[in-house]
Amino acid sequence: QTLKIGKVSPNGASELVESQLLQPTGQPIRIVWEISRGKVIDIAVEGVSMGMTRRSDFNSYVQRNGLDALIGELQRRGG
């Protein structure tokens, strides 16, 4: 696989970096990176924001287990 970097454009306080993941077989996968102060703050793969996906996952976890359980799980994973 090869990552091909494309256009970089301003997005308020951040920048959007367009790229494609080229695969030996199959279609290229479109990936847009949102960068702020040298750090990746979000990634959209084929138009689906990983930040939005994570928020949705957190919301589902809270619905099933409660906010205290989510905080405890994040603390356990964070070390």
N, C-alpha and C. Protein backbone atom coordinates (compact mmCIF):
# COMPACT_ATOMS: atom_id res chain seq x y z
N GLN A 1 0.83 -1.17 0.00
CA GLN A 1 0.00 0.00 0.00
C GLN A 1 0.88 1.24 0.00
N THR A 2 0.37 2.29 -0.63
CA THR A 2 1.10 3.55 -0.71
C THR A 2 0.15 4.68 -0.35
N LEU A 3 0.62 5.61 0.48
CA LEU A 3 -0.17 6.78 0.83
C LEU A 3 0.26 7.93 -0.07
N LYS A 4 -0.67 8.45 -0.86
CA LYS A 4 -0.41 9.56 -1.77
C LYS A 4 -1.02 10.83 -1.18
N ILE A 5 -0.18 11.81 -0.89
CA ILE A 5 -0.63 13.07 -0.31
C ILE A 5 -1.06 14.01 -1.43
N GLY A 6 -2.22 14.66 -1.22
CA GLY A 6 -2.75 15.57 -2.22
C GLY A 6 -2.77 17.00 -1.71
N LYS A 7 -3.86 17.68 -1.97
CA LYS A 7 -4.01 19.10 -1.67
C LYS A 7 -4.09 19.35 -0.16
N VAL A 8 -3.47 20.45 0.27
CA VAL A 8 -3.56 20.94 1.65
C VAL A 8 -4.32 22.26 1.60
N SER A 9 -5.38 22.38 2.42
CA SER A 9 -6.15 23.61 2.39
C SER A 9 -6.49 24.07 3.81
N PRO A 10 -6.54 25.40 4.03
CA PRO A 10 -6.86 25.93 5.35
C PRO A 10 -8.30 25.61 5.73
N ASN A 11 -8.52 25.41 7.04
CA ASN A 11 -9.86 25.12 7.55
C ASN A 11 -9.99 25.81 8.91
N GLY A 12 -10.10 27.14 8.91
CA GLY A 12 -10.13 27.89 10.17
C GLY A 12 -8.77 27.82 10.84
N ALA A 13 -8.75 27.31 12.09
CA ALA A 13 -7.50 27.20 12.84
C ALA A 13 -6.72 25.95 12.50
N SER A 14 -7.25 25.14 11.60
CA SER A 14 -6.57 23.90 11.22
C SER A 14 -6.37 23.84 9.71
N GLU A 15 -5.78 22.76 9.25
CA GLU A 15 -5.60 22.51 7.82
C GLU A 15 -6.15 21.14 7.49
N LEU A 16 -6.68 20.98 6.28
CA LEU A 16 -7.14 19.69 5.80
C LEU A 16 -6.12 19.18 4.78
N VAL A 17 -5.68 17.95 4.98
CA VAL A 17 -4.72 17.32 4.08
C VAL A 17 -5.43 16.15 3.40
N GLU A 18 -5.62 16.28 2.09
CA GLU A 18 -6.27 15.21 1.33
C GLU A 18 -5.23 14.17 0.95
N SER A 19 -5.63 12.91 1.01
CA SER A 19 -4.72 11.83 0.62
C SER A 19 -5.53 10.65 0.10
N GLN A 20 -4.82 9.72 -0.50
CA GLN A 20 -5.42 8.47 -0.97
C GLN A 20 -4.51 7.33 -0.56
N LEU A 21 -5.11 6.27 -0.07
CA LEU A 21 -4.37 5.05 0.21
C LEU A 21 -4.52 4.16 -1.01
N LEU A 22 -3.42 4.01 -1.75
CA LEU A 22 -3.44 3.22 -2.98
C LEU A 22 -3.14 1.76 -2.63
N GLN A 23 -3.98 0.87 -3.15
CA GLN A 23 -3.84 -0.55 -2.86
C GLN A 23 -3.51 -1.30 -4.14
N PRO A 24 -2.75 -2.37 -4.04
CA PRO A 24 -2.43 -3.14 -5.24
C PRO A 24 -3.70 -3.69 -5.92
N THR A 25 -4.69 -4.03 -5.12
CA THR A 25 -5.97 -4.49 -5.67
C THR A 25 -7.07 -3.64 -5.06
N GLY A 26 -8.07 -3.31 -5.82
CA GLY A 26 -9.18 -2.53 -5.31
C GLY A 26 -9.00 -1.04 -5.54
N GLN A 27 -10.05 -0.30 -5.19
CA GLN A 27 -10.08 1.14 -5.37
C GLN A 27 -9.24 1.85 -4.31
N PRO A 28 -8.70 3.03 -4.65
CA PRO A 28 -8.02 3.83 -3.63
C PRO A 28 -9.01 4.25 -2.53
N ILE A 29 -8.50 4.40 -1.33
CA ILE A 29 -9.32 4.83 -0.19
C ILE A 29 -9.00 6.29 0.08
N ARG A 30 -10.04 7.14 0.08
CA ARG A 30 -9.86 8.58 0.30
C ARG A 30 -9.78 8.85 1.80
N ILE A 31 -8.70 9.54 2.20
CA ILE A 31 -8.50 9.89 3.61
C ILE A 31 -8.21 11.38 3.69
N VAL A 32 -8.92 12.09 4.58
CA VAL A 32 -8.66 13.51 4.82
C VAL A 32 -8.25 13.67 6.28
N TRP A 33 -7.08 14.24 6.48
CA TRP A 33 -6.52 14.46 7.81
C TRP A 33 -6.77 15.90 8.20
N GLU A 34 -7.25 16.15 9.41
CA GLU A 34 -7.36 17.52 9.93
C GLU A 34 -6.21 17.72 10.92
N ILE A 35 -5.38 18.70 10.62
CA ILE A 35 -4.16 18.95 11.39
C ILE A 35 -4.24 20.33 12.04
N SER A 36 -3.90 20.41 13.33
CA SER A 36 -3.84 21.69 14.02
C SER A 36 -2.60 21.70 14.91
N ARG A 37 -1.78 22.71 14.75
CA ARG A 37 -0.55 22.86 15.54
C ARG A 37 0.34 21.62 15.47
N GLY A 38 0.41 21.02 14.29
CA GLY A 38 1.28 19.88 14.08
C GLY A 38 0.73 18.55 14.58
N LYS A 39 -0.53 18.53 15.03
CA LYS A 39 -1.12 17.30 15.53
C LYS A 39 -2.38 16.95 14.74
N VAL A 40 -2.60 15.66 14.53
CA VAL A 40 -3.81 15.19 13.86
C VAL A 40 -4.96 15.28 14.87
N ILE A 41 -6.02 16.03 14.50
CA ILE A 41 -7.15 16.15 15.41
C ILE A 41 -8.37 15.37 14.94
N ASP A 42 -8.39 14.99 13.67
CA ASP A 42 -9.46 14.14 13.15
C ASP A 42 -9.00 13.53 11.83
N ILE A 43 -9.58 12.39 11.52
CA ILE A 43 -9.33 11.71 10.25
C ILE A 43 -10.68 11.30 9.70
N ALA A 44 -10.92 11.60 8.42
CA ALA A 44 -12.14 11.15 7.75
C ALA A 44 -11.74 10.14 6.68
N VAL A 45 -12.24 8.93 6.81
CA VAL A 45 -11.96 7.86 5.85
C VAL A 45 -13.21 7.67 5.00
N GLU A 46 -13.07 7.90 3.69
CA GLU A 46 -14.20 7.81 2.76
C GLU A 46 -15.38 8.65 3.27
N GLY A 47 -15.07 9.82 3.84
CA GLY A 47 -16.10 10.76 4.28
C GLY A 47 -16.65 10.51 5.67
N VAL A 48 -16.19 9.48 6.37
CA VAL A 48 -16.67 9.18 7.72
C VAL A 48 -15.63 9.65 8.73
N SER A 49 -16.01 10.61 9.55
CA SER A 49 -15.11 11.18 10.55
C SER A 49 -14.88 10.19 11.68
N MET A 50 -13.62 9.94 11.98
CA MET A 50 -13.30 9.04 13.09
C MET A 50 -13.67 9.70 14.42
N GLY A 51 -13.58 11.04 14.50
CA GLY A 51 -14.01 11.75 15.71
C GLY A 51 -15.49 11.56 15.95
N MET A 52 -16.29 11.68 14.88
CA MET A 52 -17.74 11.47 15.01
C MET A 52 -18.04 10.04 15.38
N THR A 53 -17.32 9.09 14.81
CA THR A 53 -17.52 7.68 15.12
C THR A 53 -17.21 7.42 16.59
N ARG A 54 -16.12 7.99 17.06
CA ARG A 54 -15.73 7.80 18.46
C ARG A 54 -16.79 8.41 19.39
N ARG A 55 -17.30 9.61 19.07
CA ARG A 55 -18.34 10.21 19.90
C ARG A 55 -19.57 9.32 19.94
N SER A 56 -19.93 8.76 18.80
CA SER A 56 -21.08 7.86 18.74
C SER A 56 -20.84 6.62 19.61
N ASP A 57 -19.61 6.06 19.54
CA ASP A 57 -19.27 4.91 20.37
C ASP A 57 -19.36 5.27 21.85
N PHE A 58 -18.85 6.44 22.23
CA PHE A 58 -18.91 6.87 23.63
C PHE A 58 -20.36 7.02 24.08
N ASN A 59 -21.18 7.64 23.22
CA ASN A 59 -22.60 7.82 23.57
C ASN A 59 -23.29 6.47 23.79
N SER A 60 -23.01 5.51 22.93
CA SER A 60 -23.60 4.18 23.08
C SER A 60 -23.14 3.52 24.38
N TYR A 61 -21.85 3.65 24.69
CA TYR A 61 -21.31 3.06 25.91
C TYR A 61 -21.98 3.68 27.14
N VAL A 62 -22.14 5.01 27.14
CA VAL A 62 -22.78 5.69 28.26
C VAL A 62 -24.24 5.24 28.40
N GLN A 63 -24.93 5.08 27.28
CA GLN A 63 -26.32 4.62 27.32
C GLN A 63 -26.43 3.25 27.97
N ARG A 64 -25.48 2.36 27.64
CA ARG A 64 -25.51 0.98 28.17
C ARG A 64 -24.98 0.87 29.59
N ASN A 65 -23.91 1.63 29.90
CA ASN A 65 -23.18 1.40 31.15
C ASN A 65 -23.13 2.58 32.11
N GLY A 66 -23.48 3.77 31.65
CA GLY A 66 -23.42 4.95 32.50
C GLY A 66 -22.12 5.71 32.34
N LEU A 67 -22.16 6.99 32.69
CA LEU A 67 -21.02 7.88 32.54
C LEU A 67 -19.86 7.47 33.44
N ASP A 68 -20.14 7.08 34.67
CA ASP A 68 -19.07 6.68 35.59
C ASP A 68 -18.30 5.48 35.04
N ALA A 69 -19.00 4.54 34.42
CA ALA A 69 -18.34 3.36 33.83
C ALA A 69 -17.43 3.78 32.68
N LEU A 70 -17.87 4.74 31.86
CA LEU A 70 -17.04 5.23 30.75
C LEU A 70 -15.78 5.88 31.29
N ILE A 71 -15.92 6.74 32.29
CA ILE A 71 -14.76 7.41 32.87
C ILE A 71 -13.79 6.38 33.44
N GLY A 72 -14.30 5.39 34.14
CA GLY A 72 -13.45 4.33 34.70
C GLY A 72 -12.73 3.57 33.61
N GLU A 73 -13.41 3.23 32.53
CA GLU A 73 -12.79 2.49 31.41
C GLU A 73 -11.69 3.31 30.76
N LEU A 74 -11.94 4.61 30.54
CA LEU A 74 -10.93 5.48 29.93
C LEU A 74 -9.71 5.62 30.84
N GLN A 75 -9.94 5.70 32.14
CA GLN A 75 -8.80 5.78 33.07
C GLN A 75 -7.99 4.50 33.05
N ARG A 76 -8.66 3.35 32.99
CA ARG A 76 -7.95 2.06 32.94
C ARG A 76 -7.12 1.98 31.66
N ARG A 77 -7.66 2.42 30.54
CA ARG A 77 -6.94 2.33 29.26
C ARG A 77 -5.81 3.35 29.19
N GLY A 78 -5.99 4.48 29.86
CA GLY A 78 -4.97 5.53 29.82
C GLY A 78 -3.77 5.25 30.70
N GLY A 79 -3.86 4.23 31.50
CA GLY A 79 -2.70 3.88 32.31
C GLY A 79 -2.96 4.26 33.70
